Amino acid sequence: MRDGRTPLKLLIILALMWSASPAAIGQSQSEYSQITRVSGTRCQCGRWTCLDCQQQRLCEPCAPSQLTPQFGLPGTVLAPPVQPSPPGSTGSGSQSLSDSGRSPSDMAASPDSPNLSGESNNSSLAQPSTGPNTTDLFAANLGRGSEGAFGSSLRGATTPEMMGDFFGPGGSTSILIRDYEPLTQTVPNAGYALGRMKLAENSSPIPRDRIFFNYSHFTGVPLASQPISVNRYSPGFEKTFWDGLCSFEVRTPFGSSIDNDILTNGLTSDNQFQFGNMFFSLKGVLIHRENWLVTAGSSLLVPTAQDTRVIDPATREEYLRIDNESTHIMPFIGGAFIPSERLFAQWMVQCDIDANGNPVIATENSVQRQIGTLQDFTLLYTDLSIGYWLYQATGSQRRTVTGIAPVAELHYNRSLTSADSITDTSNQINQVITDFDNVNIQVGLIFNIRNNSRLGFGYATPLGNSFDRVFDKEFRVTLNRYY
C-alpha cells in the first residue's frame, strides 16, 4: 500500500507544477517587460539635460502634466511611455526626468515615492540608469546636431575656439648677392605671402562638427622694402567621427598680399590676390574627466601656393626662383579645462617641422640650376586662452545673442633651429632673422548666436620691437556654424 501511494503523490506534484507554470511564466514575462520599460524609456527630448537651459529638467515639449508615473516591480517606479521623437531629434538610450528633475531610479529611492509592495524603499532595487553621467561635464551627452550642441556630443563644446595670433617669420628680409654686387631685396619664402598657419587659430582642442570662416587683417608686415598690409581669409570645415571623439579639419586660405613676382627695383605690387598653402589637421581625445580633457594629433601644411620669383623689371628675366615644395608636419597636444559653467581655459603646444624644404633655382645666361634648398625654421608654438561667460541665456529664452564671453590669449612662438642660408659662387641668400623668438597677446569678444553659431572679434599685437616682430597689429574676425 505504501508503495502504491508513492506514484500517486508524484502524479499530484507534477500536475500542480504543470498548472502553476503558465502563471509563473507570465509573471516572469511581465517582470521582464517592466524591466525593459524601465531601462528603455526616455524623455521625448531624448536627453537627460535640457540643452536650452543646461539644467536637469525637461524641455518644453515634455510638460510635467504629460508624465504619469507607472508602477511595476517592488521598489521601482516605471518611466512614462516612450514619446515619438520629432524628425532630426538626437540622443537615444536616455531616460526622462520628472518635473523636479529626478530620474526614475531617484524616485524609486526617494522616501516619498509610492511603494505598492508595502515594503520600505531600497535604492538597491532601482534599475540602473542607462543615461549618461550628468556629473561628468565632458561625458554628458547633449544630443549631437540639436540646438545648443555646438557641434559636439561633449559638454566641452560650450568652450569657444581660440582666436589665434600668427603670421610667421616667412616674410623676413633676405639679401641677394649677384656677381658680387650686393642687392638688398625682400624675398619672401615660397608660399608665405599670406604667412604661416598653426592649429590654434579659430580652433579648439575639442573635436566638433562645424563650418567656419576666418578673416585676419595684418599691418606692418615686412614682406617688401616697406611694410605692407595683408588680408587673409581662411574658410574651412571640421568633421567629427568615432562617436565625436576625433575630427578632421581643412582650411583653404586666400587673400591679398605682395605679388609672387618680386621686382628688383622695389616696385612690386602689394595688393595681389594669393592662394595660400592648404592646411589639414587630425585630432582625437586622449582622456576626458569631469571638467577637463586632453587631445592630440597632427596638422599638415601642403604646398598649394605659387612659387616666389625675383624678376628684372626691364627685361622680365628671372634671376631667382624659390619653388614651393615644402611640406610641414605639425604634431600637437592640447587640452581644455572648465571649472564652472562660466569659466573656461584651453591650451595647445605644437611643433612645426619643414619636412623637405624649398629648392632655390638660379638663372644665369638663360641656364637654370639649383643652388640649394632653403629650409624653414622648425618652430614651437605654445598657446593659452582664458575666458568667462559674462552672459548666458537661460530657460526657454529665445534670443539672437545667447552668450557673451571676453577672452584673453598669450601666444609664444619660438624657433628650435637657426635660419637657413644658401651660398654659391655668384649667389647668396641670408635671412636677417636668425633666431625667432616671438610673443603675441590677443584679446577678443565671443558671441553665441542662437546656440548654433559663434561670432568672434579679436585684436592681437606682438610684445617687443625686435626683428621678431613680424606684424604690428592684427584685427581678426571668426565665424563658426555648428551642425
Protein backbone atom coordinates (compact mmCIF):
# COMPACT_ATOMS: atom_id res chain seq x y z
CA MET A 1 0.00 0.00 0.00
CA ARG A 2 2.83 2.37 0.86
CA ASP A 3 4.49 1.65 -2.46
CA GLY A 4 1.19 2.28 -4.27
CA ARG A 5 0.78 5.78 -2.79
CA THR A 6 4.20 6.95 -4.00
CA PRO A 7 3.33 7.08 -7.73
CA LEU A 8 0.05 8.83 -6.87
CA LYS A 9 1.91 11.53 -4.92
CA LEU A 10 4.31 12.06 -7.81
CA LEU A 11 1.43 12.47 -10.26
CA ILE A 12 -0.24 15.05 -8.00
CA ILE A 13 3.01 17.05 -7.67
CA LEU A 14 3.59 17.02 -11.45
CA ALA A 15 0.01 18.15 -12.07
CA LEU A 16 0.37 21.06 -9.67
CA MET A 17 3.66 22.12 -11.28
CA TRP A 18 2.11 21.95 -14.76
CA SER A 19 -0.87 24.08 -13.75
CA ALA A 20 1.32 26.68 -11.99
CA SER A 21 3.93 27.07 -14.76
CA PRO A 22 1.87 29.31 -17.13
CA ALA A 23 1.27 31.81 -14.35
CA ALA A 24 4.92 31.78 -13.39
CA ILE A 25 5.99 32.22 -16.99
CA GLY A 26 3.51 35.02 -17.48
CA GLN A 27 4.68 36.77 -14.34
CA SER A 28 8.30 36.40 -15.45
CA GLN A 29 7.48 37.84 -18.87
CA SER A 30 5.59 40.70 -17.24
CA GLU A 31 8.52 41.48 -14.94
CA TYR A 32 10.92 41.30 -17.89
CA SER A 33 8.71 43.67 -19.86
CA GLN A 34 8.58 46.07 -16.92
CA ILE A 35 12.36 45.95 -16.55
CA THR A 36 12.73 46.63 -20.26
CA ARG A 37 10.42 49.62 -19.98
CA VAL A 38 12.43 50.97 -17.07
CA SER A 39 15.73 50.77 -18.94
CA GLY A 40 14.47 51.56 -22.42
CA THR A 41 12.14 54.53 -21.96
CA ARG A 42 13.38 58.07 -22.34
CA CYS A 43 12.17 61.62 -22.38
CA GLN A 44 10.63 62.93 -25.58
CA CYS A 45 13.50 65.39 -25.86
CA GLY A 46 15.83 62.37 -25.88
CA ARG A 47 18.30 63.55 -23.28
CA TRP A 48 18.89 63.94 -19.56
CA THR A 49 19.88 67.56 -19.58
CA CYS A 50 17.86 70.24 -21.35
CA LEU A 51 20.17 71.96 -23.87
CA ASP A 52 18.17 75.14 -23.76
CA CYS A 53 18.79 75.91 -20.10
CA GLN A 54 21.59 73.48 -19.16
CA GLN A 55 19.57 72.31 -16.17
CA GLN A 56 18.30 68.86 -15.19
CA ARG A 57 14.72 69.37 -16.20
CA LEU A 58 12.56 68.54 -19.15
CA CYS A 59 12.37 70.53 -22.34
CA GLU A 60 9.17 72.39 -23.12
CA PRO A 61 7.68 69.65 -25.36
CA CYS A 62 7.74 67.31 -22.34
CA ALA A 63 5.45 69.10 -19.91
CA PRO A 64 5.24 67.59 -16.44
CA SER A 65 1.50 67.10 -16.94
CA GLN A 66 2.27 64.57 -19.64
CA LEU A 67 4.20 62.36 -17.22
CA THR A 68 2.05 59.74 -15.50
CA PRO A 69 4.11 57.55 -13.18
CA GLN A 70 3.53 53.83 -13.58
CA PHE A 71 4.44 51.24 -11.00
CA GLY A 72 5.75 47.76 -11.53
CA LEU A 73 8.40 45.85 -9.69
CA PRO A 74 8.73 46.35 -5.94
CA GLY A 75 10.89 49.33 -5.16
CA THR A 76 10.86 50.54 -8.78
CA VAL A 77 8.89 53.33 -10.46
CA LEU A 78 8.47 53.00 -14.19
CA ALA A 79 9.13 55.92 -16.51
CA PRO A 80 6.32 57.16 -18.79
CA PRO A 81 5.83 55.52 -22.19
CA VAL A 82 8.23 56.42 -24.94
CA GLN A 83 7.17 59.52 -26.84
CA PRO A 84 7.80 59.60 -30.58
CA SER A 85 10.88 61.63 -31.31
CA PRO A 86 10.47 64.51 -33.77
CA PRO A 87 12.42 64.35 -37.03
CA GLY A 88 16.06 65.24 -36.57
CA SER A 89 15.89 64.55 -32.82
CA THR A 90 19.01 63.01 -31.42
CA GLY A 91 20.04 61.30 -28.25
CA SER A 92 18.97 57.78 -27.51
CA GLY A 93 19.01 55.44 -24.64
CA SER A 94 18.39 58.25 -22.13
CA GLN A 95 15.57 58.32 -19.59
CA SER A 96 13.20 61.15 -18.82
CA LEU A 97 13.15 63.22 -15.68
CA SER A 98 10.18 64.28 -13.62
CA ASP A 99 9.28 67.94 -13.27
CA SER A 100 11.53 68.07 -10.23
CA GLY A 101 14.48 66.92 -12.31
CA ARG A 102 14.73 63.42 -10.79
CA SER A 103 15.30 60.22 -12.69
CA PRO A 104 13.07 57.13 -12.22
CA SER A 105 15.77 55.50 -10.13
CA ASP A 106 15.93 58.61 -7.95
CA MET A 107 12.15 58.50 -7.49
CA ALA A 108 12.31 54.84 -6.53
CA ALA A 109 14.88 55.60 -3.88
CA SER A 110 13.05 58.67 -2.58
CA PRO A 111 11.20 58.32 0.74
CA ASP A 112 8.05 59.96 -0.64
CA SER A 113 7.80 57.65 -3.63
CA PRO A 114 4.80 55.26 -3.56
CA ASN A 115 5.54 51.59 -2.96
CA LEU A 116 2.86 49.05 -3.90
CA SER A 117 4.56 46.22 -2.11
CA GLY A 118 4.28 47.94 1.26
CA GLU A 119 7.94 47.39 1.83
CA SER A 120 10.44 50.10 2.63
CA ASN A 121 12.09 51.66 -0.36
CA ASN A 122 15.53 50.33 -1.17
CA SER A 123 17.73 52.21 -3.61
CA SER A 124 19.48 48.98 -4.47
CA LEU A 125 16.26 47.69 -6.05
CA ALA A 126 16.04 50.59 -8.50
CA GLN A 127 17.03 49.78 -12.04
CA PRO A 128 20.39 51.21 -13.09
CA SER A 129 20.22 54.32 -15.27
CA THR A 130 21.20 53.96 -18.89
CA GLY A 131 21.60 57.70 -19.33
CA PRO A 132 24.99 59.48 -19.30
CA ASN A 133 26.72 60.55 -16.15
CA THR A 134 25.41 64.08 -15.71
CA THR A 135 28.12 64.85 -13.17
CA ASP A 136 30.74 64.48 -15.90
CA LEU A 137 30.81 67.71 -17.88
CA PHE A 138 32.54 66.13 -20.86
CA ALA A 139 30.76 62.77 -20.87
CA ALA A 140 27.23 64.23 -20.62
CA ASN A 141 25.57 63.71 -24.00
CA LEU A 142 23.96 66.95 -25.12
CA GLY A 143 22.49 65.48 -28.28
CA ARG A 144 24.67 65.97 -31.33
CA GLY A 145 23.13 68.15 -34.01
CA SER A 146 20.35 69.63 -31.90
CA GLU A 147 20.05 73.19 -30.72
CA GLY A 148 22.80 74.17 -28.32
CA ALA A 149 25.11 71.23 -29.04
CA PHE A 150 27.79 73.47 -30.63
CA GLY A 151 28.86 70.70 -32.96
CA SER A 152 29.89 68.15 -30.33
CA SER A 153 28.47 65.47 -28.05
CA LEU A 154 30.90 66.60 -25.35
CA ARG A 155 29.93 69.20 -22.79
CA GLY A 156 33.21 70.93 -23.52
CA ALA A 157 31.66 72.19 -26.76
CA THR A 158 30.39 75.15 -24.76
CA THR A 159 34.02 76.36 -24.80
CA PRO A 160 34.65 78.65 -27.81
CA GLU A 161 37.59 78.29 -30.17
CA MET A 162 40.87 80.12 -29.63
CA MET A 163 41.09 83.36 -31.62
CA GLY A 164 44.75 82.96 -32.72
CA ASP A 165 47.64 85.30 -33.44
CA PHE A 166 50.05 84.05 -36.04
CA PHE A 167 51.68 85.26 -39.26
CA GLY A 168 55.11 83.67 -39.01
CA PRO A 169 58.70 84.53 -39.94
CA GLY A 170 58.36 83.57 -43.62
CA GLY A 171 58.23 87.24 -44.59
CA SER A 172 61.63 88.14 -43.20
CA THR A 173 64.02 90.26 -45.23
CA SER A 174 66.67 88.44 -47.32
CA ILE A 175 69.84 89.65 -49.01
CA LEU A 176 70.51 88.65 -52.58
CA ILE A 177 74.05 88.99 -53.93
CA ARG A 178 74.55 88.57 -57.67
CA ASP A 179 78.04 88.73 -59.23
CA TYR A 180 79.41 90.21 -56.00
CA GLU A 181 77.13 93.21 -56.27
CA PRO A 182 75.01 93.25 -53.14
CA LEU A 183 71.29 93.78 -53.74
CA THR A 184 69.25 94.08 -50.58
CA GLN A 185 65.87 92.75 -51.50
CA THR A 186 62.96 91.39 -49.54
CA VAL A 187 62.34 87.90 -50.88
CA PRO A 188 59.58 86.06 -49.00
CA ASN A 189 59.99 82.34 -48.88
CA ALA A 190 57.73 80.42 -51.25
CA GLY A 191 54.15 80.14 -50.07
CA TYR A 192 54.45 82.81 -47.38
CA ALA A 193 52.80 85.80 -48.97
CA LEU A 194 49.87 85.02 -46.64
CA GLY A 195 52.04 83.90 -43.73
CA ARG A 196 52.27 80.59 -41.92
CA MET A 197 49.38 78.94 -40.06
CA LYS A 198 49.07 76.85 -36.94
CA LEU A 199 46.20 74.97 -35.33
CA ALA A 200 45.47 77.47 -32.54
CA GLU A 201 43.69 79.89 -34.89
CA ASN A 202 39.91 79.69 -34.56
CA SER A 203 40.25 76.11 -33.36
CA SER A 204 39.84 74.21 -30.13
CA PRO A 205 41.28 71.02 -28.61
CA ILE A 206 37.67 69.73 -28.57
CA PRO A 207 36.56 67.88 -31.74
CA ARG A 208 33.33 69.24 -33.24
CA ASP A 209 31.24 69.50 -36.39
CA ARG A 210 31.37 72.95 -37.94
CA ILE A 211 31.98 75.10 -40.96
CA PHE A 212 33.95 78.27 -40.34
CA PHE A 213 35.39 81.42 -41.85
CA ASN A 214 38.40 83.33 -40.52
CA TYR A 215 39.44 86.84 -41.50
CA SER A 216 42.71 88.48 -40.43
CA HIS A 217 43.95 91.97 -41.29
CA PHE A 218 47.69 92.33 -40.55
CA THR A 219 49.51 95.66 -40.65
CA GLY A 220 53.26 96.34 -40.73
CA VAL A 221 54.22 93.00 -42.33
CA PRO A 222 57.85 93.05 -43.63
CA LEU A 223 57.19 91.38 -46.99
CA ALA A 224 58.56 94.31 -49.01
CA SER A 225 61.12 97.07 -48.62
CA GLN A 226 58.34 98.97 -46.84
CA PRO A 227 55.98 97.06 -44.51
CA ILE A 228 52.62 96.28 -46.09
CA SER A 229 49.15 95.19 -45.00
CA VAL A 230 47.89 91.67 -45.63
CA ASN A 231 44.28 90.46 -45.71
CA ARG A 232 43.91 86.73 -45.18
CA TYR A 233 40.68 84.72 -45.48
CA SER A 234 40.51 81.09 -44.36
CA PRO A 235 37.25 79.21 -44.94
CA GLY A 236 37.13 75.59 -43.89
CA PHE A 237 35.28 72.83 -42.12
CA GLU A 238 35.76 70.31 -39.31
CA LYS A 239 34.01 66.92 -39.18
CA THR A 240 33.93 64.52 -36.24
CA PHE A 241 33.97 60.73 -36.36
CA TRP A 242 34.33 57.78 -33.97
CA ASP A 243 31.44 58.91 -31.74
CA GLY A 244 32.65 62.52 -31.76
CA LEU A 245 35.99 61.72 -30.14
CA CYS A 246 38.05 62.54 -33.26
CA SER A 247 37.81 65.14 -36.01
CA PHE A 248 39.31 66.09 -39.36
CA GLU A 249 39.81 69.76 -40.31
CA VAL A 250 40.56 71.51 -43.62
CA ARG A 251 41.48 75.18 -44.26
CA THR A 252 41.85 76.84 -47.67
CA PRO A 253 43.50 80.25 -47.18
CA PHE A 254 43.47 83.04 -49.76
CA GLY A 255 43.75 86.82 -49.67
CA SER A 256 45.56 89.92 -50.85
CA SER A 257 49.29 90.40 -50.30
CA ILE A 258 52.54 91.05 -52.14
CA ASP A 259 52.92 89.71 -55.68
CA ASN A 260 54.86 86.48 -56.08
CA ASP A 261 56.96 88.15 -58.81
CA ILE A 262 59.39 90.31 -56.83
CA LEU A 263 60.78 93.21 -58.90
CA THR A 264 64.37 94.20 -58.15
CA ASN A 265 63.51 97.91 -58.44
CA GLY A 266 61.35 97.67 -55.33
CA LEU A 267 58.06 98.48 -57.11
CA THR A 268 56.42 95.13 -56.53
CA SER A 269 52.64 95.25 -56.19
CA ASP A 270 51.48 94.69 -52.61
CA ASN A 271 47.78 94.13 -53.33
CA GLN A 272 47.64 90.94 -55.37
CA PHE A 273 45.28 88.00 -54.93
CA GLN A 274 47.05 84.97 -53.49
CA PHE A 275 46.04 81.39 -52.77
CA GLY A 276 47.93 80.01 -49.79
CA ASN A 277 49.11 76.61 -48.64
CA MET A 278 46.27 74.30 -47.64
CA PHE A 279 46.06 73.18 -44.03
CA PHE A 280 44.80 69.79 -42.79
CA SER A 281 44.52 68.59 -39.23
CA LEU A 282 43.52 65.40 -37.42
CA LYS A 283 42.88 65.28 -33.67
CA GLY A 284 41.42 62.90 -31.12
CA VAL A 285 40.55 62.83 -27.44
CA LEU A 286 43.15 61.01 -25.35
CA ILE A 287 41.44 61.38 -21.99
CA HIS A 288 38.45 63.24 -20.56
CA ARG A 289 37.36 63.62 -16.97
CA GLU A 290 34.74 65.54 -15.03
CA ASN A 291 35.77 69.01 -16.19
CA TRP A 292 38.89 68.65 -18.34
CA LEU A 293 40.18 66.75 -21.34
CA VAL A 294 43.38 66.22 -23.31
CA THR A 295 43.61 65.76 -27.08
CA ALA A 296 46.46 65.16 -29.51
CA GLY A 297 47.00 64.84 -33.23
CA SER A 298 48.90 66.31 -36.13
CA SER A 299 48.45 69.02 -38.75
CA LEU A 300 49.79 69.04 -42.29
CA LEU A 301 50.62 72.06 -44.44
CA VAL A 302 50.84 71.18 -48.14
CA PRO A 303 52.43 73.37 -50.88
CA THR A 304 49.50 74.70 -52.92
CA ALA A 305 50.64 78.35 -53.14
CA GLN A 306 52.66 79.79 -56.04
CA ASP A 307 56.45 79.92 -56.28
CA THR A 308 58.38 83.09 -55.44
CA ARG A 309 60.37 84.67 -58.30
CA VAL A 310 62.87 87.57 -58.42
CA ILE A 311 62.39 89.44 -61.73
CA ASP A 312 64.36 92.09 -63.62
CA PRO A 313 61.66 94.74 -64.29
CA ALA A 314 63.28 95.85 -67.58
CA THR A 315 63.95 92.53 -69.28
CA ARG A 316 61.46 90.44 -67.28
CA GLU A 317 64.31 88.00 -66.83
CA GLU A 318 64.04 85.65 -63.90
CA TYR A 319 67.05 85.97 -61.61
CA LEU A 320 65.97 83.61 -58.90
CA ARG A 321 63.07 81.29 -58.10
CA ILE A 322 62.10 79.60 -54.83
CA ASP A 323 59.92 76.60 -55.63
CA ASN A 324 57.06 75.99 -53.24
CA GLU A 325 57.57 72.31 -52.43
CA SER A 326 57.87 72.30 -48.66
CA THR A 327 55.51 70.08 -46.65
CA HIS A 328 55.14 70.85 -42.95
CA ILE A 329 54.35 68.16 -40.38
CA MET A 330 52.92 69.67 -37.20
CA PRO A 331 52.20 67.30 -34.26
CA PHE A 332 50.43 68.82 -31.27
CA ILE A 333 48.87 68.19 -27.88
CA GLY A 334 46.21 70.32 -26.26
CA GLY A 335 43.58 70.45 -23.57
CA ALA A 336 40.59 72.25 -22.13
CA PHE A 337 39.62 72.93 -18.52
CA ILE A 338 36.14 74.03 -17.45
CA PRO A 339 35.99 74.52 -13.67
CA SER A 340 32.47 76.01 -13.83
CA GLU A 341 29.63 76.73 -16.23
CA ARG A 342 31.11 80.16 -17.00
CA LEU A 343 34.89 79.95 -16.68
CA PHE A 344 36.92 78.11 -19.32
CA ALA A 345 40.56 77.72 -20.34
CA GLN A 346 42.37 75.85 -23.09
CA TRP A 347 45.94 75.33 -24.25
CA MET A 348 47.92 73.90 -27.16
CA VAL A 349 51.56 73.02 -27.80
CA GLN A 350 52.52 72.35 -31.43
CA CYS A 351 55.78 71.72 -33.28
CA ASP A 352 56.10 72.88 -36.91
CA ILE A 353 58.65 70.86 -38.89
CA ASP A 354 59.65 71.55 -42.50
CA ALA A 355 59.98 68.04 -43.92
CA ASN A 356 61.80 68.74 -47.20
CA GLY A 357 62.49 72.46 -47.77
CA ASN A 358 62.09 74.61 -50.90
CA PRO A 359 64.52 74.28 -53.84
CA VAL A 360 66.17 77.53 -54.95
CA ILE A 361 66.74 77.88 -58.71
CA ALA A 362 69.15 80.48 -60.14
CA THR A 363 69.08 81.58 -63.78
CA GLU A 364 72.31 82.77 -65.44
CA ASN A 365 72.68 83.24 -69.19
CA SER A 366 69.31 81.55 -69.69
CA VAL A 367 70.56 78.49 -67.84
CA GLN A 368 68.73 77.37 -64.74
CA ARG A 369 70.37 75.40 -61.97
CA GLN A 370 69.51 74.54 -58.41
CA ILE A 371 71.86 76.22 -55.98
CA GLY A 372 70.43 74.72 -52.80
CA THR A 373 67.36 74.05 -50.67
CA LEU A 374 66.00 76.67 -48.32
CA GLN A 375 64.79 75.10 -45.09
CA ASP A 376 62.16 76.82 -42.95
CA PHE A 377 62.54 77.31 -39.22
CA THR A 378 61.40 74.45 -37.01
CA LEU A 379 59.02 76.29 -34.71
CA LEU A 380 57.42 75.53 -31.34
CA TYR A 381 54.03 77.11 -30.69
CA THR A 382 52.68 77.47 -27.14
CA ASP A 383 49.18 78.92 -26.82
CA LEU A 384 46.97 79.68 -23.81
CA SER A 385 43.42 81.07 -23.82
CA ILE A 386 41.20 82.02 -20.86
CA GLY A 387 37.63 83.33 -20.98
CA TYR A 388 34.48 83.86 -18.94
CA TRP A 389 30.82 83.87 -19.97
CA LEU A 390 29.50 87.21 -18.76
CA TYR A 391 26.06 86.44 -20.13
CA GLN A 392 24.23 83.19 -20.88
CA ALA A 393 20.57 82.92 -21.86
CA THR A 394 18.69 80.62 -19.51
CA GLY A 395 15.47 78.63 -19.56
CA SER A 396 13.35 78.81 -22.69
CA GLN A 397 14.53 82.26 -23.72
CA ARG A 398 14.63 82.68 -27.48
CA ARG A 399 17.15 85.39 -28.24
CA THR A 400 19.57 86.11 -31.04
CA VAL A 401 22.58 86.53 -28.72
CA THR A 402 22.59 83.70 -26.18
CA GLY A 403 26.07 84.18 -24.74
CA ILE A 404 28.83 86.78 -24.42
CA ALA A 405 32.37 85.99 -23.28
CA PRO A 406 35.57 88.07 -23.29
CA VAL A 407 38.77 86.10 -23.90
CA ALA A 408 42.47 86.81 -23.35
CA GLU A 409 45.24 84.81 -25.02
CA LEU A 410 49.01 84.53 -24.75
CA HIS A 411 50.98 83.03 -27.66
CA TYR A 412 54.68 82.19 -27.52
CA ASN A 413 56.35 81.19 -30.81
CA ARG A 414 59.94 80.00 -30.66
CA SER A 415 62.34 78.65 -33.30
CA LEU A 416 64.14 75.41 -32.49
CA THR A 417 66.60 75.74 -35.38
CA SER A 418 68.65 78.58 -36.84
CA ALA A 419 67.77 80.33 -40.07
CA ASP A 420 68.94 78.64 -43.23
CA SER A 421 71.09 80.32 -45.89
CA ILE A 422 72.23 79.47 -49.41
CA THR A 423 75.58 80.41 -50.94
CA ASP A 424 77.37 79.56 -54.17
CA THR A 425 79.98 81.29 -56.37
CA SER A 426 77.66 84.06 -57.55
CA ASN A 427 74.58 83.95 -55.29
CA GLN A 428 73.98 84.36 -51.61
CA ILE A 429 70.72 84.44 -49.67
CA ASN A 430 70.82 85.25 -45.96
CA GLN A 431 67.85 85.84 -43.66
CA VAL A 432 68.04 88.71 -41.25
CA ILE A 433 66.06 86.83 -38.59
CA THR A 434 68.38 84.05 -37.49
CA ASP A 435 66.67 83.11 -34.23
CA PHE A 436 62.91 83.61 -34.00
CA ASP A 437 61.51 84.36 -30.52
CA ASN A 438 58.08 85.96 -30.60
CA VAL A 439 55.35 86.69 -28.02
CA ASN A 440 51.89 87.88 -29.08
CA ILE A 441 48.91 88.83 -26.94
CA GLN A 442 45.31 88.63 -28.12
CA VAL A 443 42.09 89.99 -26.62
CA GLY A 444 38.67 89.26 -28.04
CA LEU A 445 34.93 89.03 -27.54
CA ILE A 446 32.85 85.95 -28.37
CA PHE A 447 29.11 85.98 -29.10
CA ASN A 448 26.91 82.88 -29.17
CA ILE A 449 24.23 83.27 -31.85
CA ARG A 450 21.04 81.23 -31.29
CA ASN A 451 23.03 78.37 -29.75
CA ASN A 452 24.24 77.12 -33.15
CA SER A 453 26.77 79.77 -34.24
CA ARG A 454 29.60 81.83 -32.80
CA LEU A 455 30.94 85.21 -33.88
CA GLY A 456 34.27 86.46 -32.53
CA PHE A 457 36.19 89.73 -32.77
CA GLY A 458 39.84 89.93 -31.72
CA TYR A 459 42.87 92.19 -31.65
CA ALA A 460 46.47 90.95 -31.43
CA THR A 461 49.84 92.66 -31.17
CA PRO A 462 53.43 91.45 -30.57
CA LEU A 463 55.36 92.34 -27.44
CA GLY A 464 58.74 93.99 -28.07
CA ASN A 465 60.25 95.81 -31.04
CA SER A 466 62.91 93.41 -32.32
CA PHE A 467 63.22 91.72 -35.71
CA ASP A 468 60.94 89.01 -34.35
CA ARG A 469 58.03 91.43 -34.66
CA VAL A 470 56.62 90.18 -37.99
CA PHE A 471 53.49 92.35 -37.84
CA ASP A 472 52.37 95.42 -35.91
CA LYS A 473 48.67 94.76 -35.39
CA GLU A 474 46.12 92.16 -36.29
CA PHE A 475 42.36 92.55 -36.40
CA ARG A 476 40.59 89.18 -36.53
CA VAL A 477 37.00 88.06 -37.15
CA THR A 478 35.92 84.44 -36.73
CA LEU A 479 32.58 82.85 -37.63
CA ASN A 480 31.60 79.28 -36.78
CA ARG A 481 28.38 77.49 -37.74
CA TYR A 482 27.83 74.20 -35.92
CA TYR A 483 25.78 71.26 -37.11
